[in-house]
Amino acid sequence: MNYWLFKSEPSVFSFEALKAKGKAGTQWDGVRNYAARNNMKAMQIGDLGFFYHSNEGLNIVGIAEVCALAHPDTTSDDPRWECVDIRAVRDVPNPPTLEQVKANPKLAEMALVRLGRLSVQPVTPAEWKEVCRMGGLTPAP
């Protein structure tokens, strides 16, 4: 299993909105960055990802699961753009803030710290466990 981080502005699409989509989930569309697209192409069904509220909130608020492999993004006519489908798994009880993540030396190399603008990011297993611990998820899912 691989781990990821999905970023979204809560006023555009929040974790609450993802939860409202239910078990079917929704496509993670509109991504127009090659690195983020390539990350989605590497995802497997069952991979888990943190759901991060960007610009407003600046915290990791939930866990999502990849429920469909990369496929054409229906919001684009350009076949180069693909997306996966994700669904909500659970809330993070104590959502770690970006400030807390940046202050944690165990997370100094995390993409969220180093590549702030990348909307779909890889997360290492060690980073996953540490963020889960910070968020009150023990043992890590």
N, C-alpha and C. Protein backbone atom coordinates (compact mmCIF):
# COMPACT_ATOMS: atom_id res chain seq x y z
N MET A 1 0.85 -1.18 0.00
CA MET A 1 0.00 0.00 0.00
C MET A 1 0.88 1.23 0.00
N ASN A 2 0.42 2.23 -0.76
CA ASN A 2 1.09 3.51 -0.80
C ASN A 2 0.21 4.55 -0.11
N TYR A 3 0.85 5.65 0.28
CA TYR A 3 0.15 6.73 0.98
C TYR A 3 0.33 8.03 0.21
N TRP A 4 -0.67 8.88 0.33
CA TRP A 4 -0.73 10.11 -0.46
C TRP A 4 -1.31 11.24 0.37
N LEU A 5 -1.31 12.43 -0.20
CA LEU A 5 -1.97 13.58 0.39
C LEU A 5 -2.69 14.32 -0.73
N PHE A 6 -3.97 14.59 -0.52
CA PHE A 6 -4.82 15.32 -1.47
C PHE A 6 -5.13 16.69 -0.86
N LYS A 7 -4.86 17.75 -1.62
CA LYS A 7 -5.11 19.10 -1.13
C LYS A 7 -6.32 19.71 -1.82
N SER A 8 -7.14 20.38 -1.03
CA SER A 8 -8.29 21.09 -1.59
C SER A 8 -8.66 22.25 -0.68
N GLU A 9 -9.06 23.34 -1.29
CA GLU A 9 -9.58 24.46 -0.51
C GLU A 9 -10.98 24.06 -0.03
N PRO A 10 -11.25 24.17 1.27
CA PRO A 10 -12.55 23.73 1.77
C PRO A 10 -13.73 24.50 1.18
N SER A 11 -13.52 25.73 0.74
CA SER A 11 -14.63 26.47 0.13
C SER A 11 -14.93 25.96 -1.28
N VAL A 12 -13.99 25.22 -1.88
CA VAL A 12 -14.17 24.65 -3.21
C VAL A 12 -14.68 23.21 -3.09
N PHE A 13 -13.98 22.39 -2.31
CA PHE A 13 -14.39 21.01 -2.07
C PHE A 13 -13.78 20.57 -0.74
N SER A 14 -14.61 20.40 0.26
CA SER A 14 -14.14 20.09 1.61
C SER A 14 -14.20 18.59 1.88
N PHE A 15 -13.62 18.18 2.99
CA PHE A 15 -13.71 16.78 3.40
C PHE A 15 -15.17 16.43 3.70
N GLU A 16 -15.92 17.38 4.22
CA GLU A 16 -17.36 17.15 4.45
C GLU A 16 -18.06 16.85 3.13
N ALA A 17 -17.69 17.54 2.07
CA ALA A 17 -18.28 17.29 0.75
C ALA A 17 -17.91 15.89 0.26
N LEU A 18 -16.67 15.47 0.51
CA LEU A 18 -16.26 14.12 0.12
C LEU A 18 -17.05 13.09 0.91
N LYS A 19 -17.24 13.32 2.20
CA LYS A 19 -18.03 12.38 3.00
C LYS A 19 -19.45 12.28 2.47
N ALA A 20 -19.99 13.39 2.00
CA ALA A 20 -21.36 13.40 1.48
C ALA A 20 -21.49 12.57 0.20
N LYS A 21 -20.40 12.32 -0.49
CA LYS A 21 -20.42 11.50 -1.72
C LYS A 21 -20.62 10.02 -1.40
N GLY A 22 -20.42 9.64 -0.14
CA GLY A 22 -20.66 8.27 0.28
C GLY A 22 -19.61 7.28 -0.20
N LYS A 23 -19.99 6.02 -0.17
CA LYS A 23 -19.08 4.93 -0.49
C LYS A 23 -18.60 4.97 -1.94
N ALA A 24 -19.41 5.50 -2.84
CA ALA A 24 -19.02 5.59 -4.26
C ALA A 24 -17.88 6.58 -4.46
N GLY A 25 -17.78 7.58 -3.60
CA GLY A 25 -16.73 8.59 -3.73
C GLY A 25 -16.95 9.48 -4.93
N THR A 26 -15.87 10.09 -5.39
CA THR A 26 -15.93 11.01 -6.52
C THR A 26 -14.57 11.09 -7.17
N GLN A 27 -14.55 11.55 -8.42
CA GLN A 27 -13.25 11.70 -9.08
C GLN A 27 -12.52 12.92 -8.53
N TRP A 28 -11.20 12.79 -8.41
CA TRP A 28 -10.35 13.88 -7.95
C TRP A 28 -9.91 14.64 -9.20
N ASP A 29 -10.81 15.45 -9.72
CA ASP A 29 -10.63 16.05 -11.04
C ASP A 29 -10.06 17.45 -10.97
N GLY A 30 -9.76 17.97 -12.14
CA GLY A 30 -9.30 19.35 -12.26
C GLY A 30 -7.82 19.55 -12.01
N VAL A 31 -7.07 18.49 -11.79
CA VAL A 31 -5.63 18.61 -11.54
C VAL A 31 -4.93 18.84 -12.87
N ARG A 32 -4.17 19.92 -12.96
CA ARG A 32 -3.48 20.25 -14.20
C ARG A 32 -1.99 20.46 -13.93
N ASN A 33 -1.41 19.56 -13.21
CA ASN A 33 0.02 19.57 -12.90
C ASN A 33 0.53 18.17 -13.22
N TYR A 34 1.59 18.08 -14.01
CA TYR A 34 2.08 16.77 -14.45
C TYR A 34 2.55 15.90 -13.29
N ALA A 35 3.23 16.47 -12.32
CA ALA A 35 3.70 15.67 -11.18
C ALA A 35 2.52 15.11 -10.39
N ALA A 36 1.51 15.93 -10.16
CA ALA A 36 0.32 15.46 -9.43
C ALA A 36 -0.41 14.40 -10.25
N ARG A 37 -0.52 14.61 -11.56
CA ARG A 37 -1.15 13.61 -12.43
C ARG A 37 -0.38 12.30 -12.39
N ASN A 38 0.93 12.37 -12.44
CA ASN A 38 1.75 11.15 -12.40
C ASN A 38 1.59 10.44 -11.06
N ASN A 39 1.44 11.19 -9.99
CA ASN A 39 1.18 10.56 -8.69
C ASN A 39 -0.13 9.78 -8.74
N MET A 40 -1.15 10.36 -9.35
CA MET A 40 -2.44 9.65 -9.43
C MET A 40 -2.33 8.41 -10.31
N LYS A 41 -1.53 8.49 -11.37
CA LYS A 41 -1.36 7.32 -12.23
C LYS A 41 -0.66 6.18 -11.49
N ALA A 42 0.10 6.49 -10.46
CA ALA A 42 0.81 5.47 -9.68
C ALA A 42 -0.06 4.85 -8.58
N MET A 43 -1.23 5.42 -8.33
CA MET A 43 -2.09 4.96 -7.23
C MET A 43 -2.75 3.62 -7.55
N GLN A 44 -2.98 2.86 -6.48
CA GLN A 44 -3.68 1.58 -6.56
C GLN A 44 -4.95 1.65 -5.73
N ILE A 45 -5.93 0.86 -6.08
CA ILE A 45 -7.16 0.79 -5.29
C ILE A 45 -6.79 0.35 -3.88
N GLY A 46 -7.33 1.05 -2.90
CA GLY A 46 -7.05 0.77 -1.50
C GLY A 46 -5.96 1.63 -0.90
N ASP A 47 -5.17 2.32 -1.74
CA ASP A 47 -4.19 3.27 -1.20
C ASP A 47 -4.93 4.31 -0.36
N LEU A 48 -4.28 4.78 0.68
CA LEU A 48 -4.87 5.78 1.56
C LEU A 48 -4.19 7.13 1.38
N GLY A 49 -4.94 8.18 1.64
CA GLY A 49 -4.38 9.51 1.53
C GLY A 49 -4.96 10.45 2.57
N PHE A 50 -4.13 11.35 3.02
CA PHE A 50 -4.62 12.42 3.90
C PHE A 50 -5.39 13.42 3.04
N PHE A 51 -6.44 13.99 3.61
CA PHE A 51 -7.20 15.06 2.97
C PHE A 51 -6.81 16.33 3.70
N TYR A 52 -6.18 17.25 2.97
CA TYR A 52 -5.63 18.47 3.54
C TYR A 52 -6.43 19.68 3.06
N HIS A 53 -6.90 20.48 4.00
CA HIS A 53 -7.58 21.73 3.66
C HIS A 53 -6.53 22.81 3.46
N SER A 54 -6.39 23.26 2.22
CA SER A 54 -5.40 24.29 1.89
C SER A 54 -6.03 25.68 1.90
N ASN A 55 -5.19 26.67 2.03
CA ASN A 55 -5.56 28.09 2.03
C ASN A 55 -6.48 28.50 3.18
N GLU A 56 -7.46 27.68 3.51
CA GLU A 56 -8.36 27.97 4.63
C GLU A 56 -8.27 26.77 5.58
N GLY A 57 -7.82 26.99 6.77
CA GLY A 57 -7.69 25.90 7.72
C GLY A 57 -6.27 25.41 7.83
N LEU A 58 -5.65 25.09 6.69
CA LEU A 58 -4.27 24.60 6.64
C LEU A 58 -4.04 23.44 7.61
N ASN A 59 -4.87 22.40 7.46
CA ASN A 59 -4.69 21.24 8.33
C ASN A 59 -5.16 19.96 7.65
N ILE A 60 -4.67 18.85 8.18
CA ILE A 60 -5.02 17.52 7.68
C ILE A 60 -6.26 17.08 8.45
N VAL A 61 -7.38 17.01 7.75
CA VAL A 61 -8.67 16.82 8.42
C VAL A 61 -9.27 15.43 8.26
N GLY A 62 -8.79 14.66 7.29
CA GLY A 62 -9.41 13.37 7.06
C GLY A 62 -8.52 12.40 6.34
N ILE A 63 -9.01 11.17 6.23
CA ILE A 63 -8.34 10.12 5.47
C ILE A 63 -9.29 9.66 4.37
N ALA A 64 -8.73 9.56 3.17
CA ALA A 64 -9.48 9.11 2.00
C ALA A 64 -8.84 7.85 1.46
N GLU A 65 -9.61 7.12 0.66
CA GLU A 65 -9.14 5.89 0.05
C GLU A 65 -9.34 5.96 -1.46
N VAL A 66 -8.35 5.50 -2.21
CA VAL A 66 -8.48 5.43 -3.66
C VAL A 66 -9.45 4.29 -3.97
N CYS A 67 -10.51 4.60 -4.72
CA CYS A 67 -11.53 3.58 -5.03
C CYS A 67 -11.68 3.33 -6.52
N ALA A 68 -10.95 4.06 -7.37
CA ALA A 68 -10.91 3.78 -8.81
C ALA A 68 -9.55 4.23 -9.34
N LEU A 69 -8.98 3.41 -10.20
CA LEU A 69 -7.68 3.71 -10.79
C LEU A 69 -7.77 4.91 -11.72
N ALA A 70 -6.59 5.41 -12.10
CA ALA A 70 -6.52 6.57 -13.00
C ALA A 70 -7.33 6.33 -14.27
N HIS A 71 -8.08 7.35 -14.65
CA HIS A 71 -8.93 7.31 -15.83
C HIS A 71 -9.04 8.73 -16.37
N PRO A 72 -9.54 8.91 -17.59
CA PRO A 72 -9.64 10.27 -18.13
C PRO A 72 -10.45 11.19 -17.21
N ASP A 73 -9.93 12.39 -17.02
CA ASP A 73 -10.59 13.42 -16.22
C ASP A 73 -11.73 14.01 -17.06
N THR A 74 -12.94 13.85 -16.60
CA THR A 74 -14.11 14.30 -17.37
C THR A 74 -14.23 15.82 -17.44
N THR A 75 -13.39 16.55 -16.69
CA THR A 75 -13.44 18.01 -16.75
C THR A 75 -12.49 18.56 -17.81
N SER A 76 -11.85 17.66 -18.58
CA SER A 76 -10.92 18.10 -19.62
C SER A 76 -11.16 17.33 -20.91
N ASP A 77 -11.00 18.02 -22.03
CA ASP A 77 -11.06 17.37 -23.34
C ASP A 77 -9.68 16.85 -23.75
N ASP A 78 -8.66 17.17 -22.98
CA ASP A 78 -7.29 16.78 -23.28
C ASP A 78 -7.02 15.40 -22.66
N PRO A 79 -6.73 14.39 -23.46
CA PRO A 79 -6.53 13.04 -22.93
C PRO A 79 -5.32 12.88 -22.03
N ARG A 80 -4.46 13.88 -21.97
CA ARG A 80 -3.29 13.79 -21.07
C ARG A 80 -3.69 13.86 -19.60
N TRP A 81 -4.86 14.44 -19.30
CA TRP A 81 -5.24 14.65 -17.91
C TRP A 81 -6.09 13.50 -17.41
N GLU A 82 -5.59 12.87 -16.37
CA GLU A 82 -6.27 11.74 -15.75
C GLU A 82 -6.48 12.03 -14.28
N CYS A 83 -7.36 11.24 -13.67
CA CYS A 83 -7.62 11.39 -12.25
C CYS A 83 -8.01 10.03 -11.68
N VAL A 84 -8.02 9.94 -10.37
CA VAL A 84 -8.52 8.75 -9.67
C VAL A 84 -9.82 9.13 -8.98
N ASP A 85 -10.51 8.13 -8.48
CA ASP A 85 -11.67 8.38 -7.62
C ASP A 85 -11.26 8.09 -6.19
N ILE A 86 -11.75 8.92 -5.26
CA ILE A 86 -11.47 8.70 -3.84
C ILE A 86 -12.77 8.77 -3.06
N ARG A 87 -12.75 8.16 -1.88
CA ARG A 87 -13.89 8.24 -0.97
C ARG A 87 -13.35 8.49 0.44
N ALA A 88 -14.19 9.07 1.26
CA ALA A 88 -13.82 9.37 2.65
C ALA A 88 -13.78 8.08 3.46
N VAL A 89 -12.79 7.98 4.34
CA VAL A 89 -12.67 6.84 5.24
C VAL A 89 -13.01 7.27 6.67
N ARG A 90 -12.36 8.34 7.12
CA ARG A 90 -12.61 8.83 8.48
C ARG A 90 -12.04 10.21 8.69
N ASP A 91 -12.58 10.87 9.70
CA ASP A 91 -12.05 12.16 10.14
C ASP A 91 -10.77 11.93 10.92
N VAL A 92 -9.92 12.93 10.95
CA VAL A 92 -8.76 12.94 11.83
C VAL A 92 -9.23 13.64 13.10
N PRO A 93 -9.18 12.96 14.26
CA PRO A 93 -9.73 13.54 15.50
C PRO A 93 -9.12 14.88 15.91
N ASN A 94 -7.79 15.00 15.77
CA ASN A 94 -7.08 16.23 16.14
C ASN A 94 -6.29 16.70 14.92
N PRO A 95 -6.92 17.37 13.97
CA PRO A 95 -6.27 17.70 12.70
C PRO A 95 -4.95 18.47 12.87
N PRO A 96 -3.83 17.85 12.47
CA PRO A 96 -2.55 18.56 12.55
C PRO A 96 -2.54 19.74 11.59
N THR A 97 -2.03 20.85 12.08
CA THR A 97 -1.91 22.05 11.25
C THR A 97 -0.62 22.01 10.45
N LEU A 98 -0.56 22.81 9.40
CA LEU A 98 0.67 22.92 8.62
C LEU A 98 1.81 23.39 9.53
N GLU A 99 1.53 24.29 10.41
CA GLU A 99 2.55 24.80 11.34
C GLU A 99 3.11 23.65 12.20
N GLN A 100 2.24 22.78 12.69
CA GLN A 100 2.69 21.64 13.50
C GLN A 100 3.50 20.66 12.67
N VAL A 101 3.07 20.42 11.44
CA VAL A 101 3.81 19.52 10.56
C VAL A 101 5.20 20.08 10.29
N LYS A 102 5.28 21.36 9.98
CA LYS A 102 6.58 21.99 9.70
C LYS A 102 7.48 22.00 10.92
N ALA A 103 6.92 22.05 12.11
CA ALA A 103 7.71 22.10 13.34
C ALA A 103 8.21 20.71 13.77
N ASN A 104 7.70 19.67 13.16
CA ASN A 104 8.06 18.31 13.55
C ASN A 104 9.29 17.87 12.74
N PRO A 105 10.43 17.65 13.39
CA PRO A 105 11.64 17.26 12.66
C PRO A 105 11.50 15.94 11.90
N LYS A 106 10.60 15.07 12.35
CA LYS A 106 10.38 13.80 11.65
C LYS A 106 9.71 14.01 10.29
N LEU A 107 9.15 15.19 10.07
CA LEU A 107 8.42 15.47 8.84
C LEU A 107 9.12 16.52 7.97
N ALA A 108 10.39 16.81 8.27
CA ALA A 108 11.12 17.86 7.56
C ALA A 108 11.21 17.62 6.06
N GLU A 109 11.22 16.36 5.63
CA GLU A 109 11.34 16.04 4.21
C GLU A 109 9.99 15.75 3.55
N MET A 110 8.91 15.87 4.30
CA MET A 110 7.58 15.59 3.75
C MET A 110 7.27 16.55 2.60
N ALA A 111 6.64 16.03 1.55
CA ALA A 111 6.31 16.87 0.40
C ALA A 111 5.47 18.08 0.79
N LEU A 112 4.60 17.92 1.78
CA LEU A 112 3.78 19.05 2.23
C LEU A 112 4.64 20.21 2.71
N VAL A 113 5.79 19.90 3.27
CA VAL A 113 6.72 20.92 3.75
C VAL A 113 7.57 21.47 2.60
N ARG A 114 8.04 20.59 1.74
CA ARG A 114 8.98 20.96 0.68
C ARG A 114 8.31 21.45 -0.60
N LEU A 115 7.15 20.89 -0.93
CA LEU A 115 6.49 21.18 -2.22
C LEU A 115 5.08 21.71 -1.95
N GLY A 116 5.01 22.84 -1.34
CA GLY A 116 3.75 23.38 -0.86
C GLY A 116 2.63 23.50 -1.87
N ARG A 117 2.95 23.69 -3.15
CA ARG A 117 1.90 23.94 -4.14
C ARG A 117 1.40 22.67 -4.81
N LEU A 118 2.09 21.54 -4.63
CA LEU A 118 1.70 20.30 -5.30
C LEU A 118 0.41 19.75 -4.70
N SER A 119 -0.62 19.57 -5.53
CA SER A 119 -1.96 19.24 -5.02
C SER A 119 -2.17 17.76 -4.70
N VAL A 120 -1.36 16.88 -5.27
CA VAL A 120 -1.43 15.45 -4.96
C VAL A 120 0.00 14.99 -4.71
N GLN A 121 0.26 14.56 -3.48
CA GLN A 121 1.64 14.31 -3.06
C GLN A 121 1.81 12.91 -2.49
N PRO A 122 3.01 12.34 -2.65
CA PRO A 122 3.30 11.08 -1.98
C PRO A 122 3.60 11.33 -0.50
N VAL A 123 3.32 10.33 0.32
CA VAL A 123 3.62 10.36 1.74
C VAL A 123 4.33 9.04 2.06
N THR A 124 5.46 9.09 2.74
CA THR A 124 6.17 7.86 3.08
C THR A 124 5.45 7.15 4.22
N PRO A 125 5.67 5.84 4.39
CA PRO A 125 5.06 5.14 5.52
C PRO A 125 5.43 5.75 6.88
N ALA A 126 6.67 6.19 7.04
CA ALA A 126 7.08 6.82 8.31
C ALA A 126 6.33 8.14 8.52
N GLU A 127 6.18 8.94 7.46
CA GLU A 127 5.43 10.19 7.56
C GLU A 127 3.97 9.90 7.88
N TRP A 128 3.41 8.88 7.23
CA TRP A 128 2.01 8.50 7.48
C TRP A 128 1.80 8.19 8.96
N LYS A 129 2.68 7.37 9.52
CA LYS A 129 2.54 6.98 10.93
C LYS A 129 2.67 8.19 11.85
N GLU A 130 3.61 9.07 11.55
CA GLU A 130 3.83 10.23 12.41
C GLU A 130 2.64 11.20 12.35
N VAL A 131 2.12 11.46 11.17
CA VAL A 131 0.96 12.36 11.05
C VAL A 131 -0.26 11.73 11.73
N CYS A 132 -0.44 10.41 11.56
CA CYS A 132 -1.55 9.74 12.24
C CYS A 132 -1.41 9.89 13.75
N ARG A 133 -0.20 9.70 14.26
CA ARG A 133 0.04 9.87 15.70
C ARG A 133 -0.31 11.28 16.13
N MET A 134 0.14 12.27 15.37
CA MET A 134 -0.15 13.67 15.70
C MET A 134 -1.65 13.95 15.68
N GLY A 135 -2.36 13.29 14.78
CA GLY A 135 -3.79 13.52 14.63
C GLY A 135 -4.67 12.71 15.55
N GLY A 136 -4.05 11.90 16.43
CA GLY A 136 -4.83 11.12 17.37
C GLY A 136 -5.32 9.80 16.82
N LEU A 137 -4.69 9.31 15.77
CA LEU A 137 -5.03 8.03 15.17
C LEU A 137 -3.96 7.00 15.55
N THR A 138 -4.19 6.30 16.64
CA THR A 138 -3.23 5.28 17.08
C THR A 138 -4.00 4.01 17.39
N PRO A 139 -3.67 2.88 16.81
CA PRO A 139 -2.61 2.76 15.80
C PRO A 139 -3.05 3.37 14.48
N ALA A 140 -2.05 3.69 13.66
CA ALA A 140 -2.33 4.30 12.36
C ALA A 140 -3.14 3.33 11.51
N PRO A 141 -4.11 3.87 10.74
CA PRO A 141 -4.91 3.01 9.87
C PRO A 141 -4.09 2.46 8.71
